[in-house]
Amino acid sequence: MENEDVILAEALAQYANVEPLAGLEQRVLHRVHAHNRRGGWWMWPLAAGAAVAGLCAVLWVRTTPQTLSVRVVSPRPPQIVTLPAAPKSVTRRTLPKRRVFPTPVPLTGEERALLAFAVHAPDELIDLHRRMEEPIQIEEIKIAPLESADLK
């Protein structure tokens, strides 16, 4: 066991004393410089998106009507003063409304066929519905073994 440890230690010592391949340091430095040159391009679109999102938030807050409640501190009992909402500067477009919602659509061919079947044979439709709710039962398949005479 000790002999194996000595062999392993000598092999590792020889492995550690080897010089790196020629130009390794230059290749590593070149990759670091190349990464630094092209690494920051994605930050500009991210900053622009954050600026646009902030601007949208500010505009949304400024155009939303708000009711301001102020509590006045005085020796009298507290009273709440409600100020009117700021006037809307942005008009919102309303969409056209239908008389019936959801809007009806024409029946498909299958729906028309089912409706005709229900009108002409309601008892059969009820029987069909009842049979659809019953569990499906499959009879066991029995296969008789082949006779030796059948094989000839």
Protein backbone atom coordinates (compact mmCIF):
# COMPACT_ATOMS: atom_id res chain seq x y z
CA MET A 1 0.00 0.00 0.00
CA GLU A 2 2.76 2.43 0.89
CA ASN A 3 4.63 1.49 -2.29
CA GLU A 4 1.58 2.50 -4.37
CA ASP A 5 1.41 5.84 -2.57
CA VAL A 6 5.06 6.53 -3.38
CA ILE A 7 4.53 5.67 -7.06
CA LEU A 8 1.47 7.92 -7.22
CA ALA A 9 3.28 10.82 -5.53
CA GLU A 10 6.23 10.54 -7.97
CA ALA A 11 3.89 10.46 -10.99
CA LEU A 12 2.00 13.52 -9.78
CA ALA A 13 5.25 15.38 -9.11
CA GLN A 14 6.39 14.72 -12.71
CA TYR A 15 3.00 15.80 -14.05
CA ALA A 16 3.09 19.07 -12.08
CA ASN A 17 6.59 20.00 -13.28
CA VAL A 18 5.60 20.14 -16.96
CA GLU A 19 5.66 23.56 -18.63
CA PRO A 20 2.41 24.76 -20.25
CA LEU A 21 2.08 24.65 -24.03
CA ALA A 22 3.69 27.52 -25.90
CA GLY A 23 1.42 30.54 -26.32
CA LEU A 24 -1.13 29.46 -23.68
CA GLU A 25 -0.85 32.74 -21.80
CA GLN A 26 -1.31 34.76 -25.00
CA ARG A 27 -4.40 32.72 -25.99
CA VAL A 28 -6.01 33.23 -22.57
CA LEU A 29 -5.33 36.98 -22.61
CA HIS A 30 -6.66 37.26 -26.17
CA ARG A 31 -9.93 35.56 -25.18
CA VAL A 32 -10.33 37.81 -22.12
CA HIS A 33 -9.84 40.94 -24.22
CA ALA A 34 -12.23 39.68 -26.92
CA HIS A 35 -14.89 38.94 -24.31
CA ASN A 36 -14.53 42.39 -22.76
CA ARG A 37 -14.91 44.10 -26.14
CA ARG A 38 -18.13 42.33 -27.12
CA GLY A 39 -19.61 41.70 -23.66
CA GLY A 40 -21.43 45.00 -23.06
CA TRP A 41 -23.56 45.30 -26.21
CA TRP A 42 -26.64 43.83 -24.54
CA MET A 43 -26.69 46.47 -21.81
CA TRP A 44 -27.81 49.28 -24.17
CA PRO A 45 -31.10 47.63 -25.24
CA LEU A 46 -31.74 46.69 -21.62
CA ALA A 47 -31.22 50.27 -20.45
CA ALA A 48 -33.42 51.62 -23.26
CA GLY A 49 -36.19 49.17 -22.34
CA ALA A 50 -36.00 50.19 -18.69
CA ALA A 51 -36.21 53.87 -19.66
CA VAL A 52 -39.27 53.26 -21.87
CA ALA A 53 -40.95 51.23 -19.10
CA GLY A 54 -40.31 54.04 -16.60
CA LEU A 55 -41.69 56.64 -18.98
CA CYS A 56 -44.83 54.55 -19.58
CA ALA A 57 -45.33 54.16 -15.82
CA VAL A 58 -45.04 57.91 -15.27
CA LEU A 59 -47.52 58.66 -18.06
CA TRP A 60 -49.96 56.06 -16.78
CA VAL A 61 -49.86 57.46 -13.24
CA ARG A 62 -50.31 61.04 -14.48
CA THR A 63 -53.34 60.18 -16.67
CA THR A 64 -55.13 57.98 -14.11
CA PRO A 65 -57.83 59.90 -12.20
CA GLN A 66 -57.19 59.89 -8.48
CA THR A 67 -59.18 61.03 -5.46
CA LEU A 68 -57.04 62.69 -2.87
CA SER A 69 -58.09 62.41 0.77
CA VAL A 70 -56.48 64.80 3.22
CA ARG A 71 -56.86 64.62 6.99
CA VAL A 72 -56.83 68.02 8.63
CA VAL A 73 -55.35 68.11 12.14
CA SER A 74 -57.17 70.58 14.40
CA PRO A 75 -58.59 70.74 17.90
CA ARG A 76 -61.97 69.97 16.40
CA PRO A 77 -62.94 66.38 15.61
CA PRO A 78 -61.05 65.04 12.58
CA GLN A 79 -62.69 65.63 9.26
CA ILE A 80 -61.86 64.24 5.85
CA VAL A 81 -61.70 66.63 2.93
CA THR A 82 -62.13 65.03 -0.47
CA LEU A 83 -60.75 66.86 -3.47
CA PRO A 84 -62.15 66.27 -6.97
CA ALA A 85 -60.23 64.06 -9.35
CA ALA A 86 -57.90 65.66 -11.85
CA PRO A 87 -59.44 66.11 -15.31
CA LYS A 88 -58.65 63.42 -17.84
CA SER A 89 -56.29 64.56 -20.53
CA VAL A 90 -56.49 61.33 -22.53
CA THR A 91 -59.80 60.21 -24.01
CA ARG A 92 -60.34 56.51 -24.26
CA ARG A 93 -61.93 54.98 -27.31
CA THR A 94 -64.91 52.73 -26.62
CA LEU A 95 -65.38 49.61 -28.67
CA PRO A 96 -68.68 48.86 -30.42
CA LYS A 97 -71.04 46.66 -28.40
CA ARG A 98 -73.21 43.88 -29.77
CA ARG A 99 -76.85 43.41 -28.80
CA VAL A 100 -76.27 39.75 -27.93
CA PHE A 101 -73.16 38.44 -26.25
CA PRO A 102 -71.62 36.11 -27.24
CA THR A 103 -72.44 36.76 -30.87
CA PRO A 104 -74.37 33.77 -32.28
CA VAL A 105 -72.86 31.85 -35.17
CA PRO A 106 -74.63 29.60 -37.71
CA LEU A 107 -74.97 25.91 -36.85
CA THR A 108 -72.49 23.49 -38.35
CA GLY A 109 -73.64 20.53 -40.44
CA GLU A 110 -73.15 18.13 -37.52
CA GLU A 111 -75.21 20.35 -35.20
CA ARG A 112 -78.04 20.57 -37.77
CA ALA A 113 -78.02 16.77 -38.17
CA LEU A 114 -78.21 16.23 -34.39
CA LEU A 115 -81.06 18.73 -34.12
CA ALA A 116 -83.00 16.96 -36.91
CA PHE A 117 -82.39 13.58 -35.23
CA ALA A 118 -83.64 14.94 -31.89
CA VAL A 119 -86.81 16.37 -33.51
CA HIS A 120 -87.71 13.22 -35.49
CA ALA A 121 -86.68 10.52 -32.99
CA PRO A 122 -86.51 11.87 -29.41
CA ASP A 123 -86.97 8.40 -27.85
CA GLU A 124 -84.01 6.99 -29.77
CA LEU A 125 -81.90 9.95 -28.72
CA ILE A 126 -82.73 9.32 -25.05
CA ASP A 127 -81.94 5.61 -25.50
CA LEU A 128 -78.65 6.48 -27.23
CA HIS A 129 -77.71 8.83 -24.38
CA ARG A 130 -78.48 6.13 -21.78
CA ARG A 131 -76.39 3.54 -23.68
CA MET A 132 -73.45 5.98 -23.89
CA GLU A 133 -73.36 6.22 -20.08
CA GLU A 134 -73.23 2.42 -19.62
CA PRO A 135 -69.77 0.88 -19.27
CA ILE A 136 -68.40 -0.84 -22.35
CA GLN A 137 -68.23 -4.62 -22.03
CA ILE A 138 -66.09 -6.65 -24.38
CA GLU A 139 -66.66 -10.39 -24.52
CA GLU A 140 -63.68 -12.64 -24.05
CA ILE A 141 -62.18 -13.88 -27.31
CA LYS A 142 -61.84 -17.64 -27.49
CA ILE A 143 -59.49 -19.06 -30.06
CA ALA A 144 -59.55 -22.83 -30.51
CA PRO A 145 -56.19 -24.50 -30.97
CA LEU A 146 -55.39 -25.66 -34.49
CA GLU A 147 -55.78 -29.33 -35.22
CA SER A 148 -52.87 -31.17 -36.75
CA ALA A 149 -55.08 -32.01 -39.75
CA ASP A 150 -55.64 -28.30 -40.41
CA LEU A 151 -51.91 -27.71 -40.76
CA LYS A 152 -51.52 -30.12 -43.69
